[in-house]
């Protein structure tokens, strides 16, 4: 029984609890057979969120991308809280690419969790993202080794600034809609 529970949990983690993705991979029918309760799935979401929040780093944005993927299936506002708390403490001292990636992912997560999020947290998120994006635009281009503009489909500082400006415009739209 424990092995089957571990298998179900592995599938849940692998597909971020997304039944459609499980179905596409051909494991959903087997997953359903385990009869996992919503409470158990909620606990697994909490594990996923905690693991990825602990893995947040300015060297890699994999954890923030995973948190955004989790938010697509579990619109828990603590995902946003973890990301903006990390970003406010660590990302401002990072390179331009990391600032852009974290700011864009904050905006993406806001869009996914905003209906379940208190206004104060949303405003902190908007401010954190806008501060990062403004910093990208106003300061010279700084890129650490391993963080290349080409990986983001960008050619130069102008393209980076345009992408940051687009995200600022999106923040303004979200604010106006709140």
Protein backbone atom coordinates (compact mmCIF):
# COMPACT_ATOMS: atom_id res chain seq x y z
CA UNK A 1 0.00 0.00 0.00
CA UNK A 2 2.82 2.40 0.87
CA UNK A 3 4.48 1.79 -2.51
CA UNK A 4 1.25 2.57 -4.35
CA UNK A 5 0.81 5.77 -2.35
CA UNK A 6 4.38 6.73 -3.23
CA UNK A 7 3.66 6.08 -6.91
CA UNK A 8 0.55 8.26 -6.79
CA UNK A 9 2.48 10.99 -5.01
CA UNK A 10 5.27 10.79 -7.59
CA UNK A 11 2.78 11.25 -10.43
CA UNK A 12 1.11 14.09 -8.56
CA UNK A 13 4.44 15.86 -8.05
CA UNK A 14 5.65 15.17 -11.59
CA UNK A 15 2.54 16.72 -13.15
CA UNK A 16 1.94 19.36 -10.43
CA UNK A 17 -1.43 17.79 -9.69
CA UNK A 18 -2.66 18.47 -13.23
CA UNK A 19 -5.07 15.69 -14.19
CA UNK A 20 -4.99 16.68 -17.86
CA UNK A 21 -1.19 16.30 -17.99
CA UNK A 22 -1.46 12.97 -16.18
CA UNK A 23 -4.00 11.86 -18.75
CA UNK A 24 -1.77 12.94 -21.65
CA UNK A 25 1.05 10.92 -20.12
CA UNK A 26 -1.23 7.90 -19.77
CA UNK A 27 -1.11 7.68 -15.97
CA UNK A 28 -4.34 9.35 -14.91
CA UNK A 29 -6.49 6.21 -14.95
CA UNK A 30 -3.94 4.43 -12.75
CA UNK A 31 -3.74 7.51 -10.48
CA UNK A 32 -7.53 7.48 -10.01
CA UNK A 33 -7.38 3.87 -8.83
CA UNK A 34 -5.46 4.97 -5.73
CA UNK A 35 -8.48 7.04 -4.63
CA UNK A 36 -6.38 9.88 -3.27
CA UNK A 37 -8.48 12.26 -1.19
CA UNK A 38 -8.59 16.01 -1.81
CA UNK A 39 -7.06 16.48 1.65
CA UNK A 40 -4.08 14.31 0.70
CA UNK A 41 -3.66 16.22 -2.56
CA UNK A 42 -3.81 19.50 -0.62
CA UNK A 43 -0.99 18.23 1.62
CA UNK A 44 1.03 17.27 -1.47
CA UNK A 45 0.53 20.76 -2.90
CA UNK A 46 1.88 22.18 0.35
CA UNK A 47 4.93 19.93 0.04
CA UNK A 48 5.51 21.05 -3.55
CA UNK A 49 5.18 24.70 -2.58
CA UNK A 50 7.52 24.34 0.41
CA UNK A 51 10.15 22.42 -1.57
CA UNK A 52 10.21 24.95 -4.38
CA UNK A 53 10.08 27.96 -2.06
CA UNK A 54 13.17 26.58 -0.29
CA UNK A 55 14.89 26.11 -3.68
CA UNK A 56 14.39 29.70 -4.88
CA UNK A 57 17.71 31.10 -6.08
CA UNK A 58 19.15 33.98 -8.08
CA UNK A 59 21.43 31.51 -9.86
CA UNK A 60 18.52 29.65 -11.43
CA UNK A 61 14.86 30.44 -11.91
CA UNK A 62 13.75 26.81 -12.11
CA UNK A 63 12.04 26.96 -8.70
CA UNK A 64 10.07 30.10 -9.56
CA UNK A 65 9.00 28.49 -12.84
CA UNK A 66 7.85 25.40 -10.93
CA UNK A 67 5.93 27.57 -8.46
CA UNK A 68 4.20 29.23 -11.41
CA UNK A 69 3.34 25.77 -12.77
CA UNK A 70 1.93 24.77 -9.39
CA UNK A 71 -0.15 27.97 -9.28
CA UNK A 72 -1.85 26.88 -12.51
CA UNK A 73 -3.39 23.97 -10.59
CA UNK A 74 -3.48 25.29 -7.02
CA UNK A 75 -4.16 29.01 -6.74
CA UNK A 76 -2.73 29.26 -3.23
CA UNK A 77 -1.66 32.83 -2.43
CA UNK A 78 1.25 31.58 -0.33
CA UNK A 79 3.02 30.79 -3.63
CA UNK A 80 2.98 34.48 -4.42
CA UNK A 81 4.02 35.38 -0.88
CA UNK A 82 7.05 33.07 -1.03
CA UNK A 83 8.20 34.43 -4.39
CA UNK A 84 7.84 38.10 -3.54
CA UNK A 85 9.45 37.63 -0.13
CA UNK A 86 12.45 35.97 -1.78
CA UNK A 87 12.59 38.54 -4.57
CA UNK A 88 12.44 41.50 -2.20
CA UNK A 89 15.34 40.11 -0.15
CA UNK A 90 17.62 38.69 -2.84
CA UNK A 91 16.79 39.56 -6.43
CA UNK A 92 17.48 43.31 -6.40
CA UNK A 93 21.21 42.56 -6.10
CA UNK A 94 21.18 40.11 -9.02
CA UNK A 95 21.78 40.59 -12.73
CA UNK A 96 19.32 42.08 -15.22
CA UNK A 97 18.14 38.72 -16.56
CA UNK A 98 17.28 37.35 -13.10
CA UNK A 99 15.38 40.53 -12.24
CA UNK A 100 13.36 40.27 -15.45
CA UNK A 101 12.62 36.57 -14.98
CA UNK A 102 11.50 36.96 -11.37
CA UNK A 103 9.38 40.03 -12.16
CA UNK A 104 7.69 38.31 -15.11
CA UNK A 105 6.99 35.23 -13.02
CA UNK A 106 5.58 37.34 -10.19
CA UNK A 107 3.15 38.87 -12.68
CA UNK A 108 2.29 35.43 -14.08
CA UNK A 109 1.65 34.06 -10.58
CA UNK A 110 -0.47 37.10 -9.69
CA UNK A 111 -2.69 36.40 -12.70
CA UNK A 112 -3.14 32.81 -11.50
CA UNK A 113 -3.81 33.42 -7.79
CA UNK A 114 -5.31 36.90 -7.64
CA UNK A 115 -8.87 35.77 -6.97
CA UNK A 116 -7.72 34.01 -3.77
CA UNK A 117 -5.29 36.72 -2.67
CA UNK A 118 -5.71 39.63 -0.30
CA UNK A 119 -5.35 43.10 -1.79
CA UNK A 120 -2.35 43.93 0.41
CA UNK A 121 -0.39 40.93 -0.89
CA UNK A 122 -1.32 41.77 -4.49
CA UNK A 123 -0.07 45.32 -4.03
CA UNK A 124 3.19 44.07 -2.51
CA UNK A 125 3.58 41.79 -5.52
CA UNK A 126 2.89 44.62 -7.98
CA UNK A 127 5.38 46.87 -6.18
CA UNK A 128 8.08 44.20 -6.01
CA UNK A 129 7.70 43.35 -9.71
CA UNK A 130 7.55 47.00 -10.75
CA UNK A 131 10.67 47.82 -8.69
CA UNK A 132 12.57 44.98 -10.35
CA UNK A 133 11.42 45.98 -13.82
CA UNK A 134 12.19 49.67 -13.25
CA UNK A 135 15.65 48.67 -12.09
CA UNK A 136 16.16 46.63 -15.27
CA UNK A 137 15.18 49.61 -17.40
CA UNK A 138 17.06 52.32 -15.51
CA UNK A 139 20.39 50.60 -14.88
CA UNK A 140 23.06 49.35 -17.26
CA UNK A 141 22.80 45.80 -18.54
CA UNK A 142 24.45 43.36 -16.14
CA UNK A 143 24.57 39.67 -17.04
CA UNK A 144 26.19 36.98 -14.92
CA UNK A 145 27.85 34.00 -16.62
CA UNK A 146 25.26 31.43 -17.61
CA UNK A 147 22.46 33.99 -17.93
CA UNK A 148 22.42 34.87 -21.60
CA UNK A 149 19.97 37.18 -23.35
CA UNK A 150 19.63 34.70 -26.21
CA UNK A 151 18.06 32.09 -23.91
CA UNK A 152 15.20 34.55 -23.38
CA UNK A 153 14.90 35.38 -27.07
CA UNK A 154 16.45 38.82 -26.55
CA UNK A 155 19.15 40.49 -28.62
CA UNK A 156 20.21 43.51 -26.62
CA UNK A 157 19.44 45.95 -23.80
CA UNK A 158 16.73 47.63 -25.87
CA UNK A 159 14.85 44.34 -26.26
CA UNK A 160 15.27 43.65 -22.52
CA UNK A 161 13.90 47.12 -21.71
CA UNK A 162 10.95 46.61 -24.05
CA UNK A 163 10.05 43.34 -22.39
CA UNK A 164 10.32 44.98 -18.96
CA UNK A 165 8.13 47.89 -20.16
CA UNK A 166 5.52 45.41 -21.43
CA UNK A 167 5.42 43.78 -18.01
CA UNK A 168 5.02 47.17 -16.32
CA UNK A 169 2.08 47.88 -18.64
CA UNK A 170 0.55 44.53 -17.66
CA UNK A 171 0.95 45.40 -13.97
CA UNK A 172 -0.90 48.67 -14.60
CA UNK A 173 -3.71 46.75 -16.31
CA UNK A 174 -3.96 44.33 -13.39
CA UNK A 175 -4.01 47.20 -10.91
CA UNK A 176 -6.76 48.93 -12.84
CA UNK A 177 -8.81 45.72 -12.86
CA UNK A 178 -8.52 45.24 -9.07
